[in-house]
Amino acid sequence: MAPTLRHGDALLVRRGGRAVRAGDLVVGTFRTRPDLLVVKRAARPVDGGWELRGDNALVTDDSRVYGVADVLGRVVLRYWPRPTWFSVPSV
């Protein structure tokens, strides 16, 4: 999911809550690869699931390779490394 996310980023994920919308970052599993947990961007609803896309189309494996995915939760916040807007002023 580079450049949006990098390896090692810690995320707060919410199950339930408001419905997933196109453009949301989500955690899901592809129906053809149920053992693979992924963080991708929801593109559009299809066949009772979602088409998921990575942000870097040249180097990502997403619904173009694995097909329809089931969404497990929606990414609410990246909390580590600390986002720039979350900085604490120095004294």
C-alpha atoms as a PDB file:
ATOM      1  CA  MET A   1       0.000   0.000   0.000  1.00  0.00           C
ATOM      2  CA  ALA A   2       2.958   2.305  -0.473  1.00  0.00           C
ATOM      3  CA  PRO A   3       2.986   5.280  -0.503  1.00  0.00           C
ATOM      4  CA  THR A   4      -0.044   5.411   1.862  1.00  0.00           C
ATOM      5  CA  LEU A   5       1.250   2.722   4.241  1.00  0.00           C
ATOM      6  CA  ARG A   6       4.626   1.098   4.786  1.00  0.00           C
ATOM      7  CA  HIS A   7       5.730  -2.223   6.235  1.00  0.00           C
ATOM      8  CA  GLY A   8       5.559  -2.003  10.022  1.00  0.00           C
ATOM      9  CA  ASP A   9       2.830   0.652  10.263  1.00  0.00           C
ATOM     10  CA  ALA A  10       0.392  -0.037  13.118  1.00  0.00           C
ATOM     11  CA  LEU A  11      -3.280   0.517  12.320  1.00  0.00           C
ATOM     12  CA  LEU A  12      -6.476   0.889  14.291  1.00  0.00           C
ATOM     13  CA  VAL A  13      -9.164  -1.188  12.530  1.00  0.00           C
ATOM     14  CA  ARG A  14     -12.869  -1.041  13.295  1.00  0.00           C
ATOM     15  CA  ARG A  15     -15.221  -3.931  12.666  1.00  0.00           C
ATOM     16  CA  GLY A  16     -18.796  -2.824  12.176  1.00  0.00           C
ATOM     17  CA  GLY A  17     -19.671   0.838  12.471  1.00  0.00           C
ATOM     18  CA  ARG A  18     -20.490   2.714   9.308  1.00  0.00           C
ATOM     19  CA  ALA A  19     -20.654   0.783   6.076  1.00  0.00           C
ATOM     20  CA  VAL A  20     -17.566   0.521   3.887  1.00  0.00           C
ATOM     21  CA  ARG A  21     -17.500   3.001   1.018  1.00  0.00           C
ATOM     22  CA  ALA A  22     -15.401   3.079  -2.138  1.00  0.00           C
ATOM     23  CA  GLY A  23     -12.061   4.679  -1.331  1.00  0.00           C
ATOM     24  CA  ASP A  24     -11.863   3.419   2.275  1.00  0.00           C
ATOM     25  CA  LEU A  25      -8.774   1.542   3.463  1.00  0.00           C
ATOM     26  CA  VAL A  26      -9.907  -1.883   4.638  1.00  0.00           C
ATOM     27  CA  VAL A  27      -8.624  -5.178   5.994  1.00  0.00           C
ATOM     28  CA  GLY A  28      -9.900  -8.179   4.110  1.00  0.00           C
ATOM     29  CA  THR A  29      -9.336 -11.656   2.729  1.00  0.00           C
ATOM     30  CA  PHE A  30      -9.665 -12.766  -0.860  1.00  0.00           C
ATOM     31  CA  ARG A  31     -12.086 -15.624  -1.431  1.00  0.00           C
ATOM     32  CA  THR A  32      -9.468 -17.460  -3.476  1.00  0.00           C
ATOM     33  CA  ARG A  33      -6.811 -16.927  -0.751  1.00  0.00           C
ATOM     34  CA  PRO A  34      -8.618 -17.029   2.636  1.00  0.00           C
ATOM     35  CA  ASP A  35      -5.269 -17.458   4.447  1.00  0.00           C
ATOM     36  CA  LEU A  36      -3.995 -14.085   3.147  1.00  0.00           C
ATOM     37  CA  LEU A  37      -4.909 -11.049   5.284  1.00  0.00           C
ATOM     38  CA  VAL A  38      -4.477  -7.801   3.326  1.00  0.00           C
ATOM     39  CA  VAL A  39      -4.835  -4.046   3.735  1.00  0.00           C
ATOM     40  CA  LYS A  40      -6.138  -2.509   0.519  1.00  0.00           C
ATOM     41  CA  ARG A  41      -8.400   0.250  -0.757  1.00  0.00           C
ATOM     42  CA  ALA A  42     -12.060  -0.684  -1.401  1.00  0.00           C
ATOM     43  CA  ALA A  43     -12.771   0.025  -5.068  1.00  0.00           C
ATOM     44  CA  ARG A  44     -16.362  -1.130  -5.612  1.00  0.00           C
ATOM     45  CA  PRO A  45     -18.852  -3.705  -4.340  1.00  0.00           C
ATOM     46  CA  VAL A  46     -19.121  -6.883  -6.447  1.00  0.00           C
ATOM     47  CA  ASP A  47     -20.831 -10.278  -5.959  1.00  0.00           C
ATOM     48  CA  GLY A  48     -21.603  -9.765  -2.269  1.00  0.00           C
ATOM     49  CA  GLY A  49     -18.012  -8.702  -1.543  1.00  0.00           C
ATOM     50  CA  TRP A  50     -15.600  -5.979  -2.606  1.00  0.00           C
ATOM     51  CA  GLU A  51     -13.070  -5.366  -5.320  1.00  0.00           C
ATOM     52  CA  LEU A  52      -9.893  -4.302  -3.514  1.00  0.00           C
ATOM     53  CA  ARG A  53      -7.047  -2.354  -5.098  1.00  0.00           C
ATOM     54  CA  GLY A  54      -3.559  -1.440  -3.946  1.00  0.00           C
ATOM     55  CA  ASP A  55      -2.351   2.138  -4.221  1.00  0.00           C
ATOM     56  CA  ASN A  56       0.654   1.200  -6.365  1.00  0.00           C
ATOM     57  CA  ALA A  57      -0.821  -0.583  -9.383  1.00  0.00           C
ATOM     58  CA  LEU A  58       2.567  -1.596 -10.822  1.00  0.00           C
ATOM     59  CA  VAL A  59       3.680  -3.793  -7.912  1.00  0.00           C
ATOM     60  CA  THR A  60       0.558  -4.940  -6.096  1.00  0.00           C
ATOM     61  CA  ASP A  61      -1.453  -8.144  -5.983  1.00  0.00           C
ATOM     62  CA  ASP A  62      -5.099  -7.232  -5.526  1.00  0.00           C
ATOM     63  CA  SER A  63      -8.521  -8.140  -6.937  1.00  0.00           C
ATOM     64  CA  ARG A  64      -7.101  -8.094 -10.453  1.00  0.00           C
ATOM     65  CA  VAL A  65      -5.161 -11.222  -9.464  1.00  0.00           C
ATOM     66  CA  TYR A  66      -7.208 -12.818  -6.661  1.00  0.00           C
ATOM     67  CA  GLY A  67     -10.789 -11.726  -7.412  1.00  0.00           C
ATOM     68  CA  VAL A  68     -13.512 -10.751  -4.960  1.00  0.00           C
ATOM     69  CA  ALA A  69     -12.641 -10.104  -1.289  1.00  0.00           C
ATOM     70  CA  ASP A  70     -14.572 -10.118   1.959  1.00  0.00           C
ATOM     71  CA  VAL A  71     -13.977  -7.039   4.118  1.00  0.00           C
ATOM     72  CA  LEU A  72     -13.277  -7.719   7.799  1.00  0.00           C
ATOM     73  CA  GLY A  73     -12.886  -4.122   8.986  1.00  0.00           C
ATOM     74  CA  ARG A  74     -12.204  -0.505   8.058  1.00  0.00           C
ATOM     75  CA  VAL A  75      -8.901   1.232   8.840  1.00  0.00           C
ATOM     76  CA  VAL A  76      -9.623   4.185  11.090  1.00  0.00           C
ATOM     77  CA  LEU A  77      -6.135   5.418  11.995  1.00  0.00           C
ATOM     78  CA  ARG A  78      -2.435   4.754  11.554  1.00  0.00           C
ATOM     79  CA  TYR A  79      -1.013   5.228  15.046  1.00  0.00           C
ATOM     80  CA  TRP A  80       2.609   4.131  14.588  1.00  0.00           C
ATOM     81  CA  PRO A  81       4.792   5.668  13.383  1.00  0.00           C
ATOM     82  CA  ARG A  82       3.050   8.727  14.759  1.00  0.00           C
ATOM     83  CA  PRO A  83       1.286  10.774  12.046  1.00  0.00           C
ATOM     84  CA  THR A  84       2.712  14.280  11.553  1.00  0.00           C
ATOM     85  CA  TRP A  85      -0.548  15.925  12.626  1.00  0.00           C
ATOM     86  CA  PHE A  86      -0.304  14.030  15.943  1.00  0.00           C
ATOM     87  CA  SER A  87       2.913  15.645  17.133  1.00  0.00           C
ATOM     88  CA  VAL A  88       3.227  16.846  20.699  1.00  0.00           C
ATOM     89  CA  PRO A  89       4.725  20.337  20.992  1.00  0.00           C
ATOM     90  CA  SER A  90       8.085  20.469  22.731  1.00  0.00           C
ATOM     91  CA  VAL A  91       8.399  22.584  25.859  1.00  0.00           C
END
